[in-house]
Amino acid sequence: MALTTAELGTTGMALTRVGFGAWAIGGGDWAVGWGPQDDDESVAAIHHAVASGVNWIDTAAVYGLGHSEEVVGRALRSLPAGERPYVFTKCGLVWDDADRATRPRRVGDPAIVRRDVESSLRRLGVERIDLYQVHWPAEDGTPLEDYWQVMVDLRAEGKVRAVGLSNHDVDQLQSAEKIGHVDSLQPPFSAIKRAAARELAWCHENGTGTIVYSPMQSGLLTGAFSAERVAALPADDWRRTGAEFTTHLDRNLALSAALEPVAQRHGVSRGAVAVAWALAWPGVTGAIVGARRPEQIDGWIAAADLALTAEDVTEIAAAIERTGAGEGPTRP
């Protein structure tokens, strides 16, 4: 199945407008997990995404403390070489295997970045990572200039094809760009979480691709959530305590409900509308959409080719303003 594609900045990689997000398949046995997960089902979900036309996977070393990369590697090995998707992963979060419940530290030490890229290559079972990203700004005292330089060096050495930043702001992007081109940015972006609009504009102006994460706000904009479902989430699912699922839940569910008329007009799910809304912003190359089971992909795959009308965008902007959900600009 052929899906619409867009080039990721200047990398030469043409990405489908949606990619498979592999955070949840890391499992629940760590500080920011999504609850228990069956690895066979994860592999089946990846294979179904690829069969549906998706041509990239986004994971990170920290997801499941290495486990997500291992599962992605297993899925890749069972696909014919010509069908394998691009694989993106991230570094910069260091964990303690002896204390899996403690949140990982944000580290930029160049020696650790080099150690971690080798570990990711091994877990994924690939010779080169298509896009390698720094997960968060470092908090260990390493200047951005130092950890970005090693990323640029890894690109020059051929360990990785492209390098990017995740969760970095415009000032940080500008500092990195002086050292070497920032191929991509990965910010959170949804109809609820809209603060990254400034970063999207910078990327659009500077030839930097953007792959946004959580466009369905971790499931809140799919229509599948209620206060009762949040209360029933497993104890090791981070959403049990997340502000968008607790303090702001009512307004977020109201916005989700407002997406239903748009979804019905297009014959798609609310989740697909939420993803298409994020993709409508200038500079957005693609959106990372998670799945734990094959059938979940069928709920959002339509977003890959869905173009919202001006009327749709206006209706959603009015709903954002009416419900008070989130912060930031309400329309592209």
Protein backbone atom coordinates (compact mmCIF):
# COMPACT_ATOMS: atom_id res chain seq x y z
CA MET A 1 0.00 0.00 0.00
CA ALA A 2 1.44 3.38 -1.00
CA LEU A 3 0.95 6.25 1.44
CA THR A 4 1.65 9.95 0.95
CA THR A 5 5.26 10.89 1.75
CA ALA A 6 7.24 14.02 2.56
CA GLU A 7 10.99 14.53 2.62
CA LEU A 8 12.59 14.81 6.04
CA GLY A 9 14.38 18.13 5.74
CA THR A 10 17.45 17.75 3.53
CA THR A 11 18.14 14.10 4.41
CA GLY A 12 16.82 12.58 1.20
CA MET A 13 14.54 10.29 3.21
CA ALA A 14 10.92 10.40 2.01
CA LEU A 15 8.78 9.50 5.01
CA THR A 16 5.17 8.43 5.12
CA ARG A 17 3.17 11.10 6.95
CA VAL A 18 2.74 8.72 9.89
CA GLY A 19 5.35 6.54 11.57
CA PHE A 20 5.17 3.74 14.11
CA GLY A 21 5.90 4.91 17.65
CA ALA A 22 7.59 2.25 19.79
CA TRP A 23 7.44 3.79 23.29
CA ALA A 24 4.59 1.61 24.59
CA ILE A 25 6.07 -1.64 23.29
CA GLY A 26 8.95 -1.22 25.74
CA GLY A 27 6.58 -2.58 28.38
CA GLY A 28 5.67 -1.39 31.84
CA ASP A 29 8.56 -2.45 34.05
CA TRP A 30 10.25 0.96 34.25
CA ALA A 31 9.61 4.52 35.42
CA VAL A 32 7.66 5.79 32.39
CA GLY A 33 6.13 2.62 31.01
CA TRP A 34 2.65 1.98 29.61
CA GLY A 35 1.88 -1.17 31.54
CA PRO A 36 2.48 -4.83 30.59
CA GLN A 37 2.98 -5.61 26.91
CA ASP A 38 3.23 -8.85 24.95
CA ASP A 39 6.29 -8.90 22.66
CA ASP A 40 4.67 -11.13 20.05
CA GLU A 41 1.80 -8.65 19.77
CA SER A 42 4.32 -5.81 19.45
CA VAL A 43 6.06 -7.54 16.55
CA ALA A 44 2.70 -8.23 14.92
CA ALA A 45 1.81 -4.54 15.27
CA ILE A 46 5.05 -3.45 13.61
CA HIS A 47 4.53 -5.91 10.76
CA HIS A 48 0.96 -4.71 10.29
CA ALA A 49 2.12 -1.09 10.18
CA VAL A 50 4.68 -1.94 7.48
CA ALA A 51 2.12 -3.95 5.51
CA SER A 52 -0.18 -0.91 5.73
CA GLY A 53 2.49 1.24 4.07
CA VAL A 54 4.24 2.88 7.04
CA ASN A 55 7.95 3.24 6.24
CA TRP A 56 9.55 4.37 9.51
CA ILE A 57 9.74 3.41 13.17
CA ASP A 58 10.64 5.74 16.02
CA THR A 59 12.06 4.22 19.19
CA ALA A 60 14.62 5.14 21.87
CA ALA A 61 17.21 3.34 23.93
CA VAL A 62 15.34 4.27 27.10
CA TYR A 63 11.97 2.80 26.10
CA GLY A 64 11.68 -0.25 28.31
CA LEU A 65 15.36 0.34 29.20
CA GLY A 66 16.59 -1.18 25.95
CA HIS A 67 13.67 -3.54 25.42
CA SER A 68 11.82 -1.53 22.77
CA GLU A 69 14.92 -1.50 20.56
CA GLU A 70 15.28 -5.25 21.02
CA VAL A 71 11.66 -5.82 19.97
CA VAL A 72 12.08 -3.52 16.95
CA GLY A 73 15.23 -5.46 16.03
CA ARG A 74 13.33 -8.73 16.23
CA ALA A 75 10.60 -7.34 13.96
CA LEU A 76 13.17 -6.10 11.45
CA ARG A 77 14.93 -9.47 11.26
CA SER A 78 11.72 -11.19 10.22
CA LEU A 79 11.06 -8.78 7.35
CA PRO A 80 12.60 -9.13 3.87
CA ALA A 81 15.44 -6.63 3.47
CA GLY A 82 13.56 -4.70 0.80
CA GLU A 83 10.56 -4.17 3.08
CA ARG A 84 12.39 -2.90 6.14
CA PRO A 85 11.36 0.58 7.29
CA TYR A 86 13.68 3.40 8.30
CA VAL A 87 14.65 3.11 11.96
CA PHE A 88 15.01 6.17 14.19
CA THR A 89 16.19 6.05 17.80
CA LYS A 90 17.38 8.38 20.54
CA CYS A 91 20.13 8.75 23.12
CA GLY A 92 20.79 10.95 26.14
CA LEU A 93 18.81 9.17 28.86
CA VAL A 94 20.84 6.92 31.15
CA TRP A 95 19.24 4.45 33.53
CA ASP A 96 20.20 2.18 36.40
CA ASP A 97 19.41 -1.47 35.69
CA ALA A 98 19.42 -2.14 39.42
CA ASP A 99 16.68 0.43 40.02
CA ARG A 100 14.30 0.38 37.07
CA ALA A 101 11.70 2.48 38.90
CA THR A 102 13.95 5.57 39.03
CA ARG A 103 13.59 8.08 36.21
CA PRO A 104 16.59 8.03 33.84
CA ARG A 105 19.11 10.88 33.96
CA ARG A 106 19.52 13.34 31.08
CA VAL A 107 23.15 12.97 30.04
CA GLY A 108 25.14 14.53 27.19
CA ASP A 109 28.67 13.25 27.89
CA PRO A 110 30.15 12.55 24.42
CA ALA A 111 31.73 9.30 25.64
CA ILE A 112 28.32 8.06 26.76
CA VAL A 113 26.70 9.11 23.48
CA ARG A 114 29.31 7.03 21.63
CA ARG A 115 28.76 4.10 23.99
CA ASP A 116 25.02 4.32 23.55
CA VAL A 117 25.03 4.42 19.76
CA GLU A 118 26.94 1.13 19.73
CA SER A 119 24.43 -0.39 22.15
CA SER A 120 21.52 0.76 19.99
CA LEU A 121 23.11 -0.62 16.83
CA ARG A 122 23.52 -3.98 18.58
CA ARG A 123 19.99 -4.13 19.99
CA LEU A 124 18.44 -3.07 16.68
CA GLY A 125 20.65 -5.41 14.67
CA VAL A 126 21.45 -2.77 12.03
CA GLU A 127 24.70 -1.45 10.59
CA ARG A 128 23.55 2.16 10.52
CA ILE A 129 20.81 4.10 12.28
CA ASP A 130 18.76 6.18 9.86
CA LEU A 131 18.09 9.02 12.33
CA TYR A 132 19.81 9.40 15.71
CA GLN A 133 18.38 12.00 18.08
CA VAL A 134 19.26 13.52 21.44
CA HIS A 135 16.20 12.82 23.56
CA TRP A 136 16.32 15.82 25.95
CA PRO A 137 18.68 18.72 26.71
CA ALA A 138 21.46 17.39 28.97
CA GLU A 139 21.35 18.05 32.71
CA ASP A 140 24.77 16.63 33.60
CA GLY A 141 26.65 19.84 32.87
CA THR A 142 27.57 18.91 29.28
CA PRO A 143 27.17 21.97 27.01
CA LEU A 144 24.89 21.52 24.02
CA GLU A 145 27.84 22.35 21.77
CA ASP A 146 29.71 19.29 23.07
CA TYR A 147 26.95 16.72 22.67
CA TRP A 148 25.84 18.12 19.33
CA GLN A 149 29.40 17.98 18.01
CA VAL A 150 29.62 14.25 18.72
CA MET A 151 26.28 13.75 16.94
CA VAL A 152 27.60 15.58 13.89
CA ASP A 153 30.75 13.46 14.06
CA LEU A 154 28.70 10.24 14.15
CA ARG A 155 26.91 11.39 10.99
CA ALA A 156 30.24 12.11 9.26
CA GLU A 157 31.58 8.70 10.32
CA GLY A 158 28.58 6.89 8.84
CA LYS A 159 27.35 5.36 12.10
CA VAL A 160 24.10 7.24 11.51
CA ARG A 161 22.55 8.71 8.38
CA ALA A 162 21.01 11.80 9.97
CA VAL A 163 21.02 13.50 13.36
CA GLY A 164 18.35 15.39 15.22
CA LEU A 165 17.18 16.88 18.48
CA SER A 166 14.08 16.07 20.50
CA ASN A 167 12.44 18.39 23.03
CA HIS A 168 14.85 21.28 22.30
CA ASP A 169 13.77 24.90 21.88
CA VAL A 170 14.56 27.50 19.22
CA ASP A 171 17.59 28.93 21.03
CA GLN A 172 19.05 25.44 21.35
CA LEU A 173 18.33 24.67 17.70
CA GLN A 174 20.12 27.85 16.65
CA SER A 175 23.17 26.97 18.75
CA ALA A 176 23.32 23.47 17.29
CA GLU A 177 22.89 24.73 13.72
CA LYS A 178 26.09 26.78 14.04
CA ILE A 179 28.03 23.53 14.58
CA GLY A 180 26.32 21.32 12.03
CA HIS A 181 22.96 21.10 10.32
CA VAL A 182 20.09 19.87 12.47
CA ASP A 183 18.42 17.29 10.24
CA SER A 184 15.31 16.98 12.35
CA LEU A 185 13.42 18.04 15.45
CA GLN A 186 11.05 15.83 17.43
CA PRO A 187 8.73 17.90 19.65
CA PRO A 188 5.47 16.99 21.37
CA PHE A 189 2.59 18.43 19.37
CA SER A 190 -1.15 17.89 19.41
CA ALA A 191 -4.38 19.86 19.54
CA ILE A 192 -3.87 19.81 23.32
CA LYS A 193 -0.11 20.42 23.51
CA ARG A 194 0.62 23.22 21.02
CA ALA A 195 3.60 25.04 22.57
CA ALA A 196 6.06 23.77 19.94
CA ALA A 197 4.52 25.92 17.18
CA ARG A 198 7.49 28.31 17.41
CA GLU A 199 9.95 25.46 16.91
CA LEU A 200 7.95 24.15 13.95
CA ALA A 201 8.21 27.57 12.28
CA TRP A 202 11.98 27.67 12.83
CA CYS A 203 12.40 24.22 11.32
CA HIS A 204 10.25 25.16 8.32
CA GLU A 205 12.51 28.15 7.66
CA ASN A 206 15.82 26.31 8.15
CA GLY A 207 15.46 23.08 6.19
CA THR A 208 15.01 20.96 9.31
CA GLY A 209 12.48 18.16 9.15
CA THR A 210 9.99 17.74 11.98
CA ILE A 211 8.47 14.54 13.29
CA VAL A 212 6.00 15.32 16.05
CA TYR A 213 5.14 12.93 18.84
CA SER A 214 1.94 12.28 20.81
CA PRO A 215 -0.39 13.83 18.16
CA MET A 216 -3.28 11.92 19.78
CA GLN A 217 -2.07 13.05 23.22
CA SER A 218 -1.31 9.50 24.35
CA GLY A 219 -4.81 8.32 23.46
CA LEU A 220 -6.85 11.20 24.89
CA LEU A 221 -7.95 12.39 21.45
CA THR A 222 -9.03 8.97 20.17
CA GLY A 223 -12.43 8.84 21.84
CA ALA A 224 -11.39 5.75 23.78
CA PHE A 225 -10.87 7.47 27.14
CA SER A 226 -13.11 8.33 30.07
CA ALA A 227 -12.49 9.06 33.74
CA GLU A 228 -13.37 5.43 34.44
CA ARG A 229 -10.79 4.11 32.00
CA VAL A 230 -8.08 6.33 33.47
CA ALA A 231 -8.89 4.99 36.94
CA ALA A 232 -8.64 1.44 35.61
CA LEU A 233 -5.18 1.85 34.02
CA PRO A 234 -2.45 -0.46 35.37
CA ALA A 235 -0.47 0.92 38.31
CA ASP A 236 2.71 1.01 36.19
CA ASP A 237 1.09 3.08 33.38
CA TRP A 238 2.48 6.64 33.58
CA ARG A 239 -0.85 8.06 32.46
CA ARG A 240 -2.38 7.29 35.86
CA THR A 241 -0.67 10.42 37.23
CA GLY A 242 -0.09 12.59 34.13
CA ALA A 243 -1.67 16.05 34.38
CA GLU A 244 -3.49 15.74 31.06
CA PHE A 245 -5.18 12.56 32.38
CA THR A 246 -5.99 13.98 35.82
CA THR A 247 -6.09 17.75 36.39
CA HIS A 248 -7.02 18.61 32.79
CA LEU A 249 -8.98 15.48 31.92
CA ASP A 250 -12.45 17.04 31.59
CA ARG A 251 -11.45 19.76 29.14
CA ASN A 252 -9.36 17.30 27.12
CA LEU A 253 -12.24 14.85 26.82
CA ALA A 254 -14.50 17.72 25.74
CA LEU A 255 -12.07 18.56 22.93
CA SER A 256 -11.92 14.92 21.93
CA ALA A 257 -15.71 14.83 21.65
CA ALA A 258 -15.61 17.94 19.45
CA LEU A 259 -13.50 16.05 16.90
CA GLU A 260 -16.28 13.52 16.29
CA PRO A 261 -18.30 15.59 13.76
CA VAL A 262 -15.14 16.17 11.70
CA ALA A 263 -14.34 12.47 11.86
CA GLN A 264 -17.82 11.53 10.69
CA ARG A 265 -17.65 13.90 7.72
CA HIS A 266 -14.46 12.22 6.52
CA GLY A 267 -15.44 8.69 7.50
CA VAL A 268 -12.43 8.25 9.78
CA SER A 269 -11.72 7.96 13.50
CA ARG A 270 -11.22 10.85 15.93
CA GLY A 271 -7.63 9.71 16.31
CA ALA A 272 -7.03 10.09 12.57
CA VAL A 273 -8.44 13.64 12.71
CA ALA A 274 -6.15 14.49 15.63
CA VAL A 275 -3.11 13.25 13.72
CA ALA A 276 -4.16 15.03 10.51
CA TRP A 277 -4.51 18.27 12.52
CA ALA A 278 -0.87 18.04 13.57
CA LEU A 279 0.21 17.19 10.03
CA ALA A 280 -1.57 20.28 8.69
CA TRP A 281 1.02 22.61 10.24
CA PRO A 282 3.72 23.96 7.91
CA GLY A 283 7.04 22.27 8.52
CA VAL A 284 5.64 19.03 9.93
CA THR A 285 7.08 16.13 7.94
CA GLY A 286 5.38 13.32 9.82
CA ALA A 287 3.73 12.27 13.04
CA ILE A 288 4.73 9.45 15.36
CA VAL A 289 1.71 7.36 16.29
CA GLY A 290 1.98 4.55 18.80
CA ALA A 291 0.34 1.15 18.68
CA ARG A 292 0.45 -1.90 20.92
CA ARG A 293 -1.77 -4.15 18.80
CA PRO A 294 -2.28 -4.49 15.02
CA GLU A 295 -5.90 -3.34 15.13
CA GLN A 296 -4.91 -0.02 16.71
CA ILE A 297 -3.06 0.88 13.50
CA ASP A 298 -6.28 0.53 11.53
CA GLY A 299 -7.73 3.28 13.72
CA TRP A 300 -5.20 5.94 12.68
CA ILE A 301 -3.66 4.88 9.36
CA ALA A 302 -6.20 7.03 7.46
CA ALA A 303 -4.41 10.12 8.81
CA ALA A 304 -1.54 9.41 6.41
CA ASP A 305 -3.61 10.67 3.47
CA LEU A 306 -6.22 12.82 5.23
CA ALA A 307 -6.27 16.52 4.32
CA LEU A 308 -8.45 18.61 6.62
CA THR A 309 -10.44 21.40 4.97
CA ALA A 310 -10.28 25.04 6.02
CA GLU A 311 -13.70 24.56 7.59
CA ASP A 312 -12.43 21.58 9.59
CA VAL A 313 -9.48 23.59 10.90
CA THR A 314 -11.76 26.48 11.88
CA GLU A 315 -14.16 24.15 13.66
CA ILE A 316 -11.33 22.52 15.63
CA ALA A 317 -9.84 25.91 16.54
CA ALA A 318 -13.22 27.01 17.90
CA ALA A 319 -13.46 23.80 19.93
CA ILE A 320 -10.01 24.35 21.42
CA GLU A 321 -10.98 27.86 22.47
CA ARG A 322 -14.36 26.76 23.80
CA THR A 323 -13.05 23.87 25.88
CA GLY A 324 -9.89 25.63 27.12
CA ALA A 325 -7.82 22.55 26.34
CA GLY A 326 -4.06 23.04 26.24
CA GLU A 327 -1.98 26.11 25.43
CA GLY A 328 -0.60 27.67 22.27
CA PRO A 329 -1.86 28.72 18.83
CA THR A 330 -5.17 27.14 17.86
CA ARG A 331 -4.64 26.80 14.10
CA PRO A 332 -1.82 26.56 11.52
